[in-house]
Amino acid sequence: IGSKAEMIDTLFGDFKSRLKQAQKYNSKNF
């Protein structure tokens, strides 16, 4: 989420961090 152009790098970095954290738990039911 985020619509301000000047914040894209920060927002993208935060998103990638959350996604990477979630992917650590990929399993049969996650």
mmCIF file of all heavy atoms, coordinates in Angstrom:
data_MODEL
# 
_entry.id   MODEL 
# 
loop_
_atom_site.group_PDB 
_atom_site.id 
_atom_site.type_symbol 
_atom_site.label_atom_id 
_atom_site.label_alt_id 
_atom_site.label_comp_id 
_atom_site.label_asym_id 
_atom_site.label_entity_id 
_atom_site.label_seq_id 
_atom_site.pdbx_PDB_ins_code 
_atom_site.Cartn_x 
_atom_site.Cartn_y 
_atom_site.Cartn_z 
_atom_site.occupancy 
_atom_site.B_iso_or_equiv 
_atom_site.pdbx_formal_charge 
_atom_site.auth_seq_id 
_atom_site.auth_comp_id 
_atom_site.auth_asym_id 
_atom_site.auth_atom_id 
_atom_site.pdbx_PDB_model_num 
ATOM 1   N N   . ILE A 1 1  ? 0.845  -1.187  0.000  1.00 0.00 ? 1  ILE A N   1 
ATOM 2   C CA  . ILE A 1 1  ? 0.000  0.000   0.000  1.00 0.00 ? 1  ILE A CA  1 
ATOM 3   C C   . ILE A 1 1  ? 0.887  1.245   0.000  1.00 0.00 ? 1  ILE A C   1 
ATOM 4   O O   . ILE A 1 1  ? 1.964  1.247   0.581  1.00 0.00 ? 1  ILE A O   1 
ATOM 5   C CB  . ILE A 1 1  ? -0.966 0.004   1.210  1.00 0.00 ? 1  ILE A CB  1 
ATOM 6   C CG1 . ILE A 1 1  ? -1.965 1.154   1.113  1.00 0.00 ? 1  ILE A CG1 1 
ATOM 7   C CG2 . ILE A 1 1  ? -0.215 0.031   2.525  1.00 0.00 ? 1  ILE A CG2 1 
ATOM 8   C CD1 . ILE A 1 1  ? -3.111 1.038   2.115  1.00 0.00 ? 1  ILE A CD1 1 
ATOM 9   N N   . GLY A 1 2  ? 0.419  2.286   -0.669 1.00 0.00 ? 2  GLY A N   1 
ATOM 10  C CA  . GLY A 1 2  ? 1.141  3.565   -0.702 1.00 0.00 ? 2  GLY A CA  1 
ATOM 11  C C   . GLY A 1 2  ? 1.089  4.198   -2.078 1.00 0.00 ? 2  GLY A C   1 
ATOM 12  O O   . GLY A 1 2  ? 1.480  3.571   -3.066 1.00 0.00 ? 2  GLY A O   1 
ATOM 13  N N   . SER A 1 3  ? 0.609  5.435   -2.153 1.00 0.00 ? 3  SER A N   1 
ATOM 14  C CA  . SER A 1 3  ? 0.421  6.093   -3.452 1.00 0.00 ? 3  SER A CA  1 
ATOM 15  C C   . SER A 1 3  ? 1.361  7.268   -3.694 1.00 0.00 ? 3  SER A C   1 
ATOM 16  O O   . SER A 1 3  ? 1.321  7.878   -4.762 1.00 0.00 ? 3  SER A O   1 
ATOM 17  C CB  . SER A 1 3  ? -1.033 6.569   -3.588 1.00 0.00 ? 3  SER A CB  1 
ATOM 18  O OG  . SER A 1 3  ? -1.341 7.507   -2.575 1.00 0.00 ? 3  SER A OG  1 
ATOM 19  N N   . LYS A 1 4  ? 2.213  7.590   -2.715 1.00 0.00 ? 4  LYS A N   1 
ATOM 20  C CA  . LYS A 1 4  ? 3.126  8.726   -2.890 1.00 0.00 ? 4  LYS A CA  1 
ATOM 21  C C   . LYS A 1 4  ? 4.399  8.255   -3.608 1.00 0.00 ? 4  LYS A C   1 
ATOM 22  O O   . LYS A 1 4  ? 5.105  7.368   -3.129 1.00 0.00 ? 4  LYS A O   1 
ATOM 23  C CB  . LYS A 1 4  ? 3.478  9.348   -1.543 1.00 0.00 ? 4  LYS A CB  1 
ATOM 24  C CG  . LYS A 1 4  ? 2.280  9.971   -0.832 1.00 0.00 ? 4  LYS A CG  1 
ATOM 25  C CD  . LYS A 1 4  ? 2.698  10.820  0.354  1.00 0.00 ? 4  LYS A CD  1 
ATOM 26  C CE  . LYS A 1 4  ? 3.245  12.163  -0.116 1.00 0.00 ? 4  LYS A CE  1 
ATOM 27  N NZ  . LYS A 1 4  ? 3.438  13.115  0.998  1.00 0.00 ? 4  LYS A NZ  1 
ATOM 28  N N   . ALA A 1 5  ? 4.697  8.891   -4.725 1.00 0.00 ? 5  ALA A N   1 
ATOM 29  C CA  . ALA A 1 5  ? 5.829  8.470   -5.556 1.00 0.00 ? 5  ALA A CA  1 
ATOM 30  C C   . ALA A 1 5  ? 7.152  8.520   -4.799 1.00 0.00 ? 5  ALA A C   1 
ATOM 31  O O   . ALA A 1 5  ? 7.999  7.629   -4.945 1.00 0.00 ? 5  ALA A O   1 
ATOM 32  C CB  . ALA A 1 5  ? 5.899  9.337   -6.815 1.00 0.00 ? 5  ALA A CB  1 
ATOM 33  N N   . GLU A 1 6  ? 7.336  9.565   -3.981 1.00 0.00 ? 6  GLU A N   1 
ATOM 34  C CA  . GLU A 1 6  ? 8.613  9.727   -3.279 1.00 0.00 ? 6  GLU A CA  1 
ATOM 35  C C   . GLU A 1 6  ? 8.825  8.692   -2.173 1.00 0.00 ? 6  GLU A C   1 
ATOM 36  O O   . GLU A 1 6  ? 9.932  8.568   -1.635 1.00 0.00 ? 6  GLU A O   1 
ATOM 37  C CB  . GLU A 1 6  ? 8.722  11.140  -2.691 1.00 0.00 ? 6  GLU A CB  1 
ATOM 38  C CG  . GLU A 1 6  ? 7.650  11.522  -1.699 1.00 0.00 ? 6  GLU A CG  1 
ATOM 39  C CD  . GLU A 1 6  ? 6.447  12.181  -2.355 1.00 0.00 ? 6  GLU A CD  1 
ATOM 40  O OE1 . GLU A 1 6  ? 6.156  11.873  -3.524 1.00 0.00 ? 6  GLU A OE1 1 
ATOM 41  O OE2 . GLU A 1 6  ? 5.801  13.010  -1.676 1.00 0.00 ? 6  GLU A OE2 1 
ATOM 42  N N   . MET A 1 7  ? 7.776  7.930   -1.843 1.00 0.00 ? 7  MET A N   1 
ATOM 43  C CA  . MET A 1 7  ? 7.882  6.926   -0.784 1.00 0.00 ? 7  MET A CA  1 
ATOM 44  C C   . MET A 1 7  ? 8.012  5.506   -1.327 1.00 0.00 ? 7  MET A C   1 
ATOM 45  O O   . MET A 1 7  ? 8.092  4.550   -0.548 1.00 0.00 ? 7  MET A O   1 
ATOM 46  C CB  . MET A 1 7  ? 6.640  7.003   0.118  1.00 0.00 ? 7  MET A CB  1 
ATOM 47  C CG  . MET A 1 7  ? 6.542  8.260   0.958  1.00 0.00 ? 7  MET A CG  1 
ATOM 48  S SD  . MET A 1 7  ? 7.856  8.307   2.206  1.00 0.00 ? 7  MET A SD  1 
ATOM 49  C CE  . MET A 1 7  ? 7.366  6.936   3.249  1.00 0.00 ? 7  MET A CE  1 
ATOM 50  N N   . ILE A 1 8  ? 8.051  5.349   -2.644 1.00 0.00 ? 8  ILE A N   1 
ATOM 51  C CA  . ILE A 1 8  ? 7.994  4.008   -3.237 1.00 0.00 ? 8  ILE A CA  1 
ATOM 52  C C   . ILE A 1 8  ? 9.127  3.108   -2.752 1.00 0.00 ? 8  ILE A C   1 
ATOM 53  O O   . ILE A 1 8  ? 8.904  1.942   -2.385 1.00 0.00 ? 8  ILE A O   1 
ATOM 54  C CB  . ILE A 1 8  ? 7.979  4.097   -4.776 1.00 0.00 ? 8  ILE A CB  1 
ATOM 55  C CG1 . ILE A 1 8  ? 6.617  4.610   -5.246 1.00 0.00 ? 8  ILE A CG1 1 
ATOM 56  C CG2 . ILE A 1 8  ? 8.261  2.725   -5.401 1.00 0.00 ? 8  ILE A CG2 1 
ATOM 57  C CD1 . ILE A 1 8  ? 6.542  4.868   -6.732 1.00 0.00 ? 8  ILE A CD1 1 
ATOM 58  N N   . ASP A 1 9  ? 10.356 3.602   -2.736 1.00 0.00 ? 9  ASP A N   1 
ATOM 59  C CA  . ASP A 1 9  ? 11.482 2.761   -2.330 1.00 0.00 ? 9  ASP A CA  1 
ATOM 60  C C   . ASP A 1 9  ? 11.326 2.263   -0.894 1.00 0.00 ? 9  ASP A C   1 
ATOM 61  O O   . ASP A 1 9  ? 11.569 1.081   -0.603 1.00 0.00 ? 9  ASP A O   1 
ATOM 62  C CB  . ASP A 1 9  ? 12.795 3.546   -2.458 1.00 0.00 ? 9  ASP A CB  1 
ATOM 63  C CG  . ASP A 1 9  ? 13.206 3.754   -3.898 1.00 0.00 ? 9  ASP A CG  1 
ATOM 64  O OD1 . ASP A 1 9  ? 12.661 3.049   -4.772 1.00 0.00 ? 9  ASP A OD1 1 
ATOM 65  O OD2 . ASP A 1 9  ? 14.054 4.639   -4.158 1.00 0.00 ? 9  ASP A OD2 1 
ATOM 66  N N   . THR A 1 10 ? 10.908 3.168   -0.014 1.00 0.00 ? 10 THR A N   1 
ATOM 67  C CA  . THR A 1 10 ? 10.706 2.786   1.387  1.00 0.00 ? 10 THR A CA  1 
ATOM 68  C C   . THR A 1 10 ? 9.580  1.768   1.521  1.00 0.00 ? 10 THR A C   1 
ATOM 69  O O   . THR A 1 10 ? 9.707  0.758   2.226  1.00 0.00 ? 10 THR A O   1 
ATOM 70  C CB  . THR A 1 10 ? 10.382 4.031   2.236  1.00 0.00 ? 10 THR A CB  1 
ATOM 71  O OG1 . THR A 1 10 ? 11.468 4.950   2.142  1.00 0.00 ? 10 THR A OG1 1 
ATOM 72  C CG2 . THR A 1 10 ? 10.163 3.652   3.693  1.00 0.00 ? 10 THR A CG2 1 
ATOM 73  N N   . LEU A 1 11 ? 8.469  2.026   0.836  1.00 0.00 ? 11 LEU A N   1 
ATOM 74  C CA  . LEU A 1 11 ? 7.319  1.129   0.912  1.00 0.00 ? 11 LEU A CA  1 
ATOM 75  C C   . LEU A 1 11 ? 7.631  -0.238  0.319  1.00 0.00 ? 11 LEU A C   1 
ATOM 76  O O   . LEU A 1 11 ? 7.217  -1.277  0.860  1.00 0.00 ? 11 LEU A O   1 
ATOM 77  C CB  . LEU A 1 11 ? 6.129  1.753   0.171  1.00 0.00 ? 11 LEU A CB  1 
ATOM 78  C CG  . LEU A 1 11 ? 5.566  3.041   0.774  1.00 0.00 ? 11 LEU A CG  1 
ATOM 79  C CD1 . LEU A 1 11 ? 4.638  3.729   -0.210 1.00 0.00 ? 11 LEU A CD1 1 
ATOM 80  C CD2 . LEU A 1 11 ? 4.847  2.746   2.085  1.00 0.00 ? 11 LEU A CD2 1 
ATOM 81  N N   . PHE A 1 12 ? 8.375  -0.240  -0.770 1.00 0.00 ? 12 PHE A N   1 
ATOM 82  C CA  . PHE A 1 12 ? 8.743  -1.499  -1.409 1.00 0.00 ? 12 PHE A CA  1 
ATOM 83  C C   . PHE A 1 12 ? 9.678  -2.303  -0.517 1.00 0.00 ? 12 PHE A C   1 
ATOM 84  O O   . PHE A 1 12 ? 9.547  -3.529  -0.390 1.00 0.00 ? 12 PHE A O   1 
ATOM 85  C CB  . PHE A 1 12 ? 9.390  -1.223  -2.757 1.00 0.00 ? 12 PHE A CB  1 
ATOM 86  C CG  . PHE A 1 12 ? 9.659  -2.454  -3.588 1.00 0.00 ? 12 PHE A CG  1 
ATOM 87  C CD1 . PHE A 1 12 ? 8.717  -3.456  -3.713 1.00 0.00 ? 12 PHE A CD1 1 
ATOM 88  C CD2 . PHE A 1 12 ? 10.871 -2.597  -4.268 1.00 0.00 ? 12 PHE A CD2 1 
ATOM 89  C CE1 . PHE A 1 12 ? 8.958  -4.586  -4.480 1.00 0.00 ? 12 PHE A CE1 1 
ATOM 90  C CE2 . PHE A 1 12 ? 11.131 -3.716  -5.033 1.00 0.00 ? 12 PHE A CE2 1 
ATOM 91  C CZ  . PHE A 1 12 ? 10.173 -4.715  -5.141 1.00 0.00 ? 12 PHE A CZ  1 
ATOM 92  N N   . GLY A 1 13 ? 10.590 -1.609  0.143  1.00 0.00 ? 13 GLY A N   1 
ATOM 93  C CA  . GLY A 1 13 ? 11.503 -2.284  1.067  1.00 0.00 ? 13 GLY A CA  1 
ATOM 94  C C   . GLY A 1 13 ? 10.764 -2.912  2.234  1.00 0.00 ? 13 GLY A C   1 
ATOM 95  O O   . GLY A 1 13 ? 11.047 -4.059  2.626  1.00 0.00 ? 13 GLY A O   1 
ATOM 96  N N   . ASP A 1 14 ? 9.794  -2.179  2.775  1.00 0.00 ? 14 ASP A N   1 
ATOM 97  C CA  . ASP A 1 14 ? 8.995  -2.709  3.883  1.00 0.00 ? 14 ASP A CA  1 
ATOM 98  C C   . ASP A 1 14 ? 8.183  -3.920  3.429  1.00 0.00 ? 14 ASP A C   1 
ATOM 99  O O   . ASP A 1 14 ? 8.102  -4.936  4.138  1.00 0.00 ? 14 ASP A O   1 
ATOM 100 C CB  . ASP A 1 14 ? 8.054  -1.619  4.405  1.00 0.00 ? 14 ASP A CB  1 
ATOM 101 C CG  . ASP A 1 14 ? 7.092  -2.153  5.447  1.00 0.00 ? 14 ASP A CG  1 
ATOM 102 O OD1 . ASP A 1 14 ? 7.540  -2.491  6.554  1.00 0.00 ? 14 ASP A OD1 1 
ATOM 103 O OD2 . ASP A 1 14 ? 5.883  -2.247  5.147  1.00 0.00 ? 14 ASP A OD2 1 
ATOM 104 N N   . PHE A 1 15 ? 7.594  -3.822  2.238  1.00 0.00 ? 15 PHE A N   1 
ATOM 105 C CA  . PHE A 1 15 ? 6.813  -4.941  1.715  1.00 0.00 ? 15 PHE A CA  1 
ATOM 106 C C   . PHE A 1 15 ? 7.685  -6.178  1.545  1.00 0.00 ? 15 PHE A C   1 
ATOM 107 O O   . PHE A 1 15 ? 7.301  -7.287  1.948  1.00 0.00 ? 15 PHE A O   1 
ATOM 108 C CB  . PHE A 1 15 ? 6.169  -4.568  0.377  1.00 0.00 ? 15 PHE A CB  1 
ATOM 109 C CG  . PHE A 1 15 ? 5.638  -5.759  -0.364 1.00 0.00 ? 15 PHE A CG  1 
ATOM 110 C CD1 . PHE A 1 15 ? 4.413  -6.309  -0.030 1.00 0.00 ? 15 PHE A CD1 1 
ATOM 111 C CD2 . PHE A 1 15 ? 6.391  -6.365  -1.372 1.00 0.00 ? 15 PHE A CD2 1 
ATOM 112 C CE1 . PHE A 1 15 ? 3.934  -7.432  -0.690 1.00 0.00 ? 15 PHE A CE1 1 
ATOM 113 C CE2 . PHE A 1 15 ? 5.921  -7.481  -2.034 1.00 0.00 ? 15 PHE A CE2 1 
ATOM 114 C CZ  . PHE A 1 15 ? 4.694  -8.016  -1.690 1.00 0.00 ? 15 PHE A CZ  1 
ATOM 115 N N   . LYS A 1 16 ? 8.839  -6.021  0.920  1.00 0.00 ? 16 LYS A N   1 
ATOM 116 C CA  . LYS A 1 16 ? 9.726  -7.177  0.689  1.00 0.00 ? 16 LYS A CA  1 
ATOM 117 C C   . LYS A 1 16 ? 10.148 -7.824  1.996  1.00 0.00 ? 16 LYS A C   1 
ATOM 118 O O   . LYS A 1 16 ? 10.248 -9.061  2.082  1.00 0.00 ? 16 LYS A O   1 
ATOM 119 C CB  . LYS A 1 16 ? 10.962 -6.736  -0.109 1.00 0.00 ? 16 LYS A CB  1 
ATOM 120 C CG  . LYS A 1 16 ? 10.680 -6.462  -1.572 1.00 0.00 ? 16 LYS A CG  1 
ATOM 121 C CD  . LYS A 1 16 ? 11.955 -6.308  -2.387 1.00 0.00 ? 16 LYS A CD  1 
ATOM 122 C CE  . LYS A 1 16 ? 12.720 -5.065  -1.999 1.00 0.00 ? 16 LYS A CE  1 
ATOM 123 N NZ  . LYS A 1 16 ? 13.913 -4.870  -2.857 1.00 0.00 ? 16 LYS A NZ  1 
ATOM 124 N N   . SER A 1 17 ? 10.358 -7.010  3.012  1.00 0.00 ? 17 SER A N   1 
ATOM 125 C CA  . SER A 1 17 ? 10.754 -7.543  4.312  1.00 0.00 ? 17 SER A CA  1 
ATOM 126 C C   . SER A 1 17 ? 9.634  -8.393  4.917  1.00 0.00 ? 17 SER A C   1 
ATOM 127 O O   . SER A 1 17 ? 9.881  -9.493  5.432  1.00 0.00 ? 17 SER A O   1 
ATOM 128 C CB  . SER A 1 17 ? 11.096 -6.382  5.259  1.00 0.00 ? 17 SER A CB  1 
ATOM 129 O OG  . SER A 1 17 ? 11.390 -6.861  6.549  1.00 0.00 ? 17 SER A OG  1 
ATOM 130 N N   . ARG A 1 18 ? 8.397  -7.895  4.836  1.00 0.00 ? 18 ARG A N   1 
ATOM 131 C CA  . ARG A 1 18 ? 7.265  -8.646  5.382  1.00 0.00 ? 18 ARG A CA  1 
ATOM 132 C C   . ARG A 1 18 ? 7.018  -9.932  4.597  1.00 0.00 ? 18 ARG A C   1 
ATOM 133 O O   . ARG A 1 18 ? 6.728  -10.982 5.174  1.00 0.00 ? 18 ARG A O   1 
ATOM 134 C CB  . ARG A 1 18 ? 6.003  -7.769  5.385  1.00 0.00 ? 18 ARG A CB  1 
ATOM 135 C CG  . ARG A 1 18 ? 6.000  -6.716  6.476  1.00 0.00 ? 18 ARG A CG  1 
ATOM 136 C CD  . ARG A 1 18 ? 4.681  -5.958  6.544  1.00 0.00 ? 18 ARG A CD  1 
ATOM 137 N NE  . ARG A 1 18 ? 4.536  -5.025  5.439  1.00 0.00 ? 18 ARG A NE  1 
ATOM 138 C CZ  . ARG A 1 18 ? 3.611  -5.107  4.512  1.00 0.00 ? 18 ARG A CZ  1 
ATOM 139 N NH1 . ARG A 1 18 ? 2.753  -6.123  4.511  1.00 0.00 ? 18 ARG A NH1 1 
ATOM 140 N NH2 . ARG A 1 18 ? 3.533  -4.198  3.554  1.00 0.00 ? 18 ARG A NH2 1 
ATOM 141 N N   . LEU A 1 19 ? 7.132  -9.845  3.270  1.00 0.00 ? 19 LEU A N   1 
ATOM 142 C CA  . LEU A 1 19 ? 6.942  -11.035 2.445  1.00 0.00 ? 19 LEU A CA  1 
ATOM 143 C C   . LEU A 1 19 ? 8.012  -12.083 2.738  1.00 0.00 ? 19 LEU A C   1 
ATOM 144 O O   . LEU A 1 19 ? 7.711  -13.276 2.890  1.00 0.00 ? 19 LEU A O   1 
ATOM 145 C CB  . LEU A 1 19 ? 6.970  -10.665 0.963  1.00 0.00 ? 19 LEU A CB  1 
ATOM 146 C CG  . LEU A 1 19 ? 6.829  -11.832 -0.021 1.00 0.00 ? 19 LEU A CG  1 
ATOM 147 C CD1 . LEU A 1 19 ? 5.483  -12.530 0.138  1.00 0.00 ? 19 LEU A CD1 1 
ATOM 148 C CD2 . LEU A 1 19 ? 7.016  -11.348 -1.461 1.00 0.00 ? 19 LEU A CD2 1 
ATOM 149 N N   . LYS A 1 20 ? 9.256  -11.651 2.827  1.00 0.00 ? 20 LYS A N   1 
ATOM 150 C CA  . LYS A 1 20 ? 10.357 -12.580 3.101  1.00 0.00 ? 20 LYS A CA  1 
ATOM 151 C C   . LYS A 1 20 ? 10.160 -13.262 4.456  1.00 0.00 ? 20 LYS A C   1 
ATOM 152 O O   . LYS A 1 20 ? 10.409 -14.466 4.605  1.00 0.00 ? 20 LYS A O   1 
ATOM 153 C CB  . LYS A 1 20 ? 11.692 -11.828 3.072  1.00 0.00 ? 20 LYS A CB  1 
ATOM 154 C CG  . LYS A 1 20 ? 12.912 -12.727 3.199  1.00 0.00 ? 20 LYS A CG  1 
ATOM 155 C CD  . LYS A 1 20 ? 14.200 -11.919 3.046  1.00 0.00 ? 20 LYS A CD  1 
ATOM 156 C CE  . LYS A 1 20 ? 15.419 -12.817 3.146  1.00 0.00 ? 20 LYS A CE  1 
ATOM 157 N NZ  . LYS A 1 20 ? 16.690 -12.035 2.996  1.00 0.00 ? 20 LYS A NZ  1 
ATOM 158 N N   . GLN A 1 21 ? 9.693  -12.485 5.446  1.00 0.00 ? 21 GLN A N   1 
ATOM 159 C CA  . GLN A 1 21 ? 9.447  -13.057 6.766  1.00 0.00 ? 21 GLN A CA  1 
ATOM 160 C C   . GLN A 1 21 ? 8.352  -14.111 6.701  1.00 0.00 ? 21 GLN A C   1 
ATOM 161 O O   . GLN A 1 21 ? 8.475  -15.206 7.267  1.00 0.00 ? 21 GLN A O   1 
ATOM 162 C CB  . GLN A 1 21 ? 9.039  -11.945 7.744  1.00 0.00 ? 21 GLN A CB  1 
ATOM 163 C CG  . GLN A 1 21 ? 8.679  -12.409 9.153  1.00 0.00 ? 21 GLN A CG  1 
ATOM 164 C CD  . GLN A 1 21 ? 9.866  -12.955 9.925  1.00 0.00 ? 21 GLN A CD  1 
ATOM 165 O OE1 . GLN A 1 21 ? 11.015 -12.781 9.519  1.00 0.00 ? 21 GLN A OE1 1 
ATOM 166 N NE2 . GLN A 1 21 ? 9.601  -13.621 11.035 1.00 0.00 ? 21 GLN A NE2 1 
ATOM 167 N N   . ALA A 1 22 ? 7.276  -13.816 5.989  1.00 0.00 ? 22 ALA A N   1 
ATOM 168 C CA  . ALA A 1 22 ? 6.170  -14.768 5.869  1.00 0.00 ? 22 ALA A CA  1 
ATOM 169 C C   . ALA A 1 22 ? 6.609  -16.029 5.131  1.00 0.00 ? 22 ALA A C   1 
ATOM 170 O O   . ALA A 1 22 ? 6.209  -17.148 5.488  1.00 0.00 ? 22 ALA A O   1 
ATOM 171 C CB  . ALA A 1 22 ? 4.990  -14.116 5.157  1.00 0.00 ? 22 ALA A CB  1 
ATOM 172 N N   . GLN A 1 23 ? 7.436  -15.872 4.108  1.00 0.00 ? 23 GLN A N   1 
ATOM 173 C CA  . GLN A 1 23 ? 7.860  -17.020 3.300  1.00 0.00 ? 23 GLN A CA  1 
ATOM 174 C C   . GLN A 1 23 ? 8.706  -18.013 4.091  1.00 0.00 ? 23 GLN A C   1 
ATOM 175 O O   . GLN A 1 23 ? 8.805  -19.177 3.705  1.00 0.00 ? 23 GLN A O   1 
ATOM 176 C CB  . GLN A 1 23 ? 8.606  -16.534 2.060  1.00 0.00 ? 23 GLN A CB  1 
ATOM 177 C CG  . GLN A 1 23 ? 7.696  -15.910 1.016  1.00 0.00 ? 23 GLN A CG  1 
ATOM 178 C CD  . GLN A 1 23 ? 8.459  -15.375 -0.179 1.00 0.00 ? 23 GLN A CD  1 
ATOM 179 O OE1 . GLN A 1 23 ? 9.490  -14.697 -0.035 1.00 0.00 ? 23 GLN A OE1 1 
ATOM 180 N NE2 . GLN A 1 23 ? 7.975  -15.671 -1.373 1.00 0.00 ? 23 GLN A NE2 1 
ATOM 181 N N   . LYS A 1 24 ? 9.280  -17.576 5.179  1.00 0.00 ? 24 LYS A N   1 
ATOM 182 C CA  . LYS A 1 24 ? 10.045 -18.491 6.025  1.00 0.00 ? 24 LYS A CA  1 
ATOM 183 C C   . LYS A 1 24 ? 9.156  -19.618 6.564  1.00 0.00 ? 24 LYS A C   1 
ATOM 184 O O   . LYS A 1 24 ? 9.646  -20.689 6.910  1.00 0.00 ? 24 LYS A O   1 
ATOM 185 C CB  . LYS A 1 24 ? 10.662 -17.740 7.214  1.00 0.00 ? 24 LYS A CB  1 
ATOM 186 C CG  . LYS A 1 24 ? 11.765 -16.766 6.862  1.00 0.00 ? 24 LYS A CG  1 
ATOM 187 C CD  . LYS A 1 24 ? 12.268 -16.073 8.114  1.00 0.00 ? 24 LYS A CD  1 
ATOM 188 C CE  . LYS A 1 24 ? 13.345 -15.045 7.805  1.00 0.00 ? 24 LYS A CE  1 
ATOM 189 N NZ  . LYS A 1 24 ? 13.787 -14.326 9.043  1.00 0.00 ? 24 LYS A NZ  1 
ATOM 190 N N   . TYR A 1 25 ? 7.863  -19.352 6.635  1.00 0.00 ? 25 TYR A N   1 
ATOM 191 C CA  . TYR A 1 25 ? 6.941  -20.300 7.247  1.00 0.00 ? 25 TYR A CA  1 
ATOM 192 C C   . TYR A 1 25 ? 6.120  -21.083 6.230  1.00 0.00 ? 25 TYR A C   1 
ATOM 193 O O   . TYR A 1 25 ? 5.185  -21.794 6.608  1.00 0.00 ? 25 TYR A O   1 
ATOM 194 C CB  . TYR A 1 25 ? 6.003  -19.547 8.203  1.00 0.00 ? 25 TYR A CB  1 
ATOM 195 C CG  . TYR A 1 25 ? 6.742  -18.811 9.297  1.00 0.00 ? 25 TYR A CG  1 
ATOM 196 C CD1 . TYR A 1 25 ? 6.938  -17.436 9.219  1.00 0.00 ? 25 TYR A CD1 1 
ATOM 197 C CD2 . TYR A 1 25 ? 7.269  -19.489 10.389 1.00 0.00 ? 25 TYR A CD2 1 
ATOM 198 C CE1 . TYR A 1 25 ? 7.619  -16.751 10.212 1.00 0.00 ? 25 TYR A CE1 1 
ATOM 199 C CE2 . TYR A 1 25 ? 7.957  -18.828 11.393 1.00 0.00 ? 25 TYR A CE2 1 
ATOM 200 C CZ  . TYR A 1 25 ? 8.128  -17.450 11.292 1.00 0.00 ? 25 TYR A CZ  1 
ATOM 201 O OH  . TYR A 1 25 ? 8.823  -16.783 12.281 1.00 0.00 ? 25 TYR A OH  1 
ATOM 202 N N   . ASN A 1 26 ? 6.458  -20.964 4.948  1.00 0.00 ? 26 ASN A N   1 
ATOM 203 C CA  . ASN A 1 26 ? 5.736  -21.740 3.940  1.00 0.00 ? 26 ASN A CA  1 
ATOM 204 C C   . ASN A 1 26 ? 5.759  -23.225 4.303  1.00 0.00 ? 26 ASN A C   1 
ATOM 205 O O   . ASN A 1 26 ? 6.802  -23.777 4.656  1.00 0.00 ? 26 ASN A O   1 
ATOM 206 C CB  . ASN A 1 26 ? 6.366  -21.547 2.561  1.00 0.00 ? 26 ASN A CB  1 
ATOM 207 C CG  . ASN A 1 26 ? 5.906  -20.267 1.886  1.00 0.00 ? 26 ASN A CG  1 
ATOM 208 O OD1 . ASN A 1 26 ? 4.899  -19.673 2.270  1.00 0.00 ? 26 ASN A OD1 1 
ATOM 209 N ND2 . ASN A 1 26 ? 6.633  -19.822 0.871  1.00 0.00 ? 26 ASN A ND2 1 
ATOM 210 N N   . SER A 1 27 ? 4.588  -23.838 4.249  1.00 0.00 ? 27 SER A N   1 
ATOM 211 C CA  . SER A 1 27 ? 4.465  -25.236 4.662  1.00 0.00 ? 27 SER A CA  1 
ATOM 212 C C   . SER A 1 27 ? 3.226  -25.827 4.010  1.00 0.00 ? 27 SER A C   1 
ATOM 213 O O   . SER A 1 27 ? 2.604  -25.210 3.146  1.00 0.00 ? 27 SER A O   1 
ATOM 214 C CB  . SER A 1 27 ? 4.348  -25.326 6.193  1.00 0.00 ? 27 SER A CB  1 
ATOM 215 O OG  . SER A 1 27 ? 3.144  -24.707 6.628  1.00 0.00 ? 27 SER A OG  1 
ATOM 216 N N   . LYS A 1 28 ? 2.857  -27.009 4.473  1.00 0.00 ? 28 LYS A N   1 
ATOM 217 C CA  . LYS A 1 28 ? 1.683  -27.690 3.945  1.00 0.00 ? 28 LYS A CA  1 
ATOM 218 C C   . LYS A 1 28 ? 0.416  -26.852 4.093  1.00 0.00 ? 28 LYS A C   1 
ATOM 219 O O   . LYS A 1 28 ? -0.450 -26.863 3.226  1.00 0.00 ? 28 LYS A O   1 
ATOM 220 C CB  . LYS A 1 28 ? 1.518  -29.030 4.680  1.00 0.00 ? 28 LYS A CB  1 
ATOM 221 C CG  . LYS A 1 28 ? 0.339  -29.863 4.233  1.00 0.00 ? 28 LYS A CG  1 
ATOM 222 C CD  . LYS A 1 28 ? 0.278  -31.145 5.038  1.00 0.00 ? 28 LYS A CD  1 
ATOM 223 C CE  . LYS A 1 28 ? -0.949 -31.968 4.687  1.00 0.00 ? 28 LYS A CE  1 
ATOM 224 N NZ  . LYS A 1 28 ? -1.028 -33.219 5.491  1.00 0.00 ? 28 LYS A NZ  1 
ATOM 225 N N   . ASN A 1 29 ? 0.309  -26.100 5.197  1.00 0.00 ? 29 ASN A N   1 
ATOM 226 C CA  . ASN A 1 29 ? -0.931 -25.346 5.412  1.00 0.00 ? 29 ASN A CA  1 
ATOM 227 C C   . ASN A 1 29 ? -0.711 -23.830 5.553  1.00 0.00 ? 29 ASN A C   1 
ATOM 228 O O   . ASN A 1 29 ? -1.563 -23.111 6.067  1.00 0.00 ? 29 ASN A O   1 
ATOM 229 C CB  . ASN A 1 29 ? -1.701 -25.877 6.630  1.00 0.00 ? 29 ASN A CB  1 
ATOM 230 C CG  . ASN A 1 29 ? -1.084 -25.450 7.954  1.00 0.00 ? 29 ASN A CG  1 
ATOM 231 O OD1 . ASN A 1 29 ? 0.095  -25.107 8.020  1.00 0.00 ? 29 ASN A OD1 1 
ATOM 232 N ND2 . ASN A 1 29 ? -1.879 -25.476 9.000  1.00 0.00 ? 29 ASN A ND2 1 
ATOM 233 N N   . PHE A 1 30 ? 0.435  -23.363 5.080  1.00 0.00 ? 30 PHE A N   1 
ATOM 234 C CA  . PHE A 1 30 ? 0.719  -21.921 5.082  1.00 0.00 ? 30 PHE A CA  1 
ATOM 235 C C   . PHE A 1 30 ? 1.425  -21.558 3.787  1.00 0.00 ? 30 PHE A C   1 
ATOM 236 O O   . PHE A 1 30 ? 2.457  -22.150 3.441  1.00 0.00 ? 30 PHE A O   1 
ATOM 237 C CB  . PHE A 1 30 ? 1.590  -21.535 6.277  1.00 0.00 ? 30 PHE A CB  1 
ATOM 238 C CG  . PHE A 1 30 ? 1.852  -20.050 6.385  1.00 0.00 ? 30 PHE A CG  1 
ATOM 239 C CD1 . PHE A 1 30 ? 1.070  -19.251 7.205  1.00 0.00 ? 30 PHE A CD1 1 
ATOM 240 C CD2 . PHE A 1 30 ? 2.882  -19.444 5.670  1.00 0.00 ? 30 PHE A CD2 1 
ATOM 241 C CE1 . PHE A 1 30 ? 1.303  -17.885 7.307  1.00 0.00 ? 30 PHE A CE1 1 
ATOM 242 C CE2 . PHE A 1 30 ? 3.123  -18.088 5.763  1.00 0.00 ? 30 PHE A CE2 1 
ATOM 243 C CZ  . PHE A 1 30 ? 2.328  -17.299 6.587  1.00 0.00 ? 30 PHE A CZ  1 
# 
